[in-house]
């Protein structure tokens, strides 16, 4: 991970901004589709997990196929 994105190098406000900028305009997404993605990064914003950890956990669930059926579908909009 690049310096400046690690929890030890950022404040909670900076981490919130990093997530918001990375996800783009989530307000324009369909109802319910984007909120789970936003929530997934709360642990990073709170300083509990690095971005890399969160992304690796998500990818591992996807590869194993143990995500809920609804989570695997794309937004119907």
Protein backbone atom coordinates (compact mmCIF):
# COMPACT_ATOMS: atom_id res chain seq x y z
CA UNK A 1 0.00 0.00 0.00
CA UNK A 2 1.22 3.48 -0.80
CA UNK A 3 2.37 5.69 2.08
CA UNK A 4 -0.36 8.09 3.07
CA UNK A 5 -3.18 5.54 2.97
CA UNK A 6 -2.17 3.52 6.00
CA UNK A 7 -4.10 4.07 9.20
CA UNK A 8 -0.95 5.21 10.99
CA UNK A 9 -0.42 7.91 8.34
CA UNK A 10 -3.97 9.31 8.26
CA UNK A 11 -6.65 10.87 10.41
CA UNK A 12 -10.23 9.64 10.50
CA UNK A 13 -11.25 12.61 8.35
CA UNK A 14 -8.57 11.79 5.77
CA UNK A 15 -9.62 8.12 5.69
CA UNK A 16 -13.26 9.12 5.19
CA UNK A 17 -12.22 11.35 2.28
CA UNK A 18 -10.07 8.58 0.77
CA UNK A 19 -13.04 6.19 0.79
CA UNK A 20 -15.46 8.78 -0.57
CA UNK A 21 -13.11 9.75 -3.40
CA UNK A 22 -12.33 6.12 -4.21
CA UNK A 23 -15.96 5.09 -4.46
CA UNK A 24 -17.00 8.05 -6.57
CA UNK A 25 -20.53 9.35 -6.72
CA UNK A 26 -22.36 6.75 -4.68
CA UNK A 27 -25.42 8.96 -4.32
CA UNK A 28 -26.31 8.31 -7.97
CA UNK A 29 -26.32 4.52 -7.51
CA UNK A 30 -29.54 2.57 -7.21
CA UNK A 31 -31.19 2.04 -3.84
CA UNK A 32 -29.35 -0.37 -1.57
CA UNK A 33 -26.62 -1.39 -4.00
CA UNK A 34 -23.94 1.00 -2.84
CA UNK A 35 -24.61 1.08 0.89
CA UNK A 36 -23.04 -2.34 1.49
CA UNK A 37 -19.92 -1.22 -0.33
CA UNK A 38 -19.73 1.94 1.75
CA UNK A 39 -20.29 0.00 4.98
CA UNK A 40 -17.54 -2.42 4.06
CA UNK A 41 -14.97 0.36 4.50
CA UNK A 42 -16.20 1.58 7.90
CA UNK A 43 -13.53 -0.49 9.68
CA UNK A 44 -10.84 1.40 7.72
CA UNK A 45 -12.38 4.77 8.50
CA UNK A 46 -12.54 3.87 12.21
CA UNK A 47 -8.89 2.76 12.11
CA UNK A 48 -9.55 -0.94 12.75
CA UNK A 49 -8.45 -2.51 9.45
CA UNK A 50 -6.27 -1.42 6.56
CA UNK A 51 -7.76 -1.11 3.08
CA UNK A 52 -5.72 -4.10 1.96
CA UNK A 53 -7.21 -6.30 4.68
CA UNK A 54 -10.77 -5.32 3.81
CA UNK A 55 -10.25 -5.89 0.10
CA UNK A 56 -8.57 -9.26 0.71
CA UNK A 57 -11.45 -10.41 2.94
CA UNK A 58 -14.00 -9.37 0.33
CA UNK A 59 -12.10 -11.10 -2.47
CA UNK A 60 -11.72 -14.28 -0.41
CA UNK A 61 -15.48 -14.46 0.21
CA UNK A 62 -16.14 -13.92 -3.48
CA UNK A 63 -13.66 -16.57 -4.61
CA UNK A 64 -14.98 -19.13 -2.07
CA UNK A 65 -18.51 -18.39 -3.22
CA UNK A 66 -19.91 -17.91 0.27
CA UNK A 67 -21.42 -14.50 -0.35
CA UNK A 68 -25.18 -14.27 -0.15
CA UNK A 69 -26.83 -14.74 -3.51
CA UNK A 70 -28.13 -11.16 -3.44
CA UNK A 71 -24.63 -9.76 -2.86
CA UNK A 72 -23.25 -11.53 -5.92
CA UNK A 73 -25.78 -9.97 -8.26
CA UNK A 74 -25.08 -6.68 -9.91
CA UNK A 75 -27.41 -3.75 -9.52
CA UNK A 76 -30.46 -4.23 -11.75
CA UNK A 77 -30.63 -0.53 -12.59
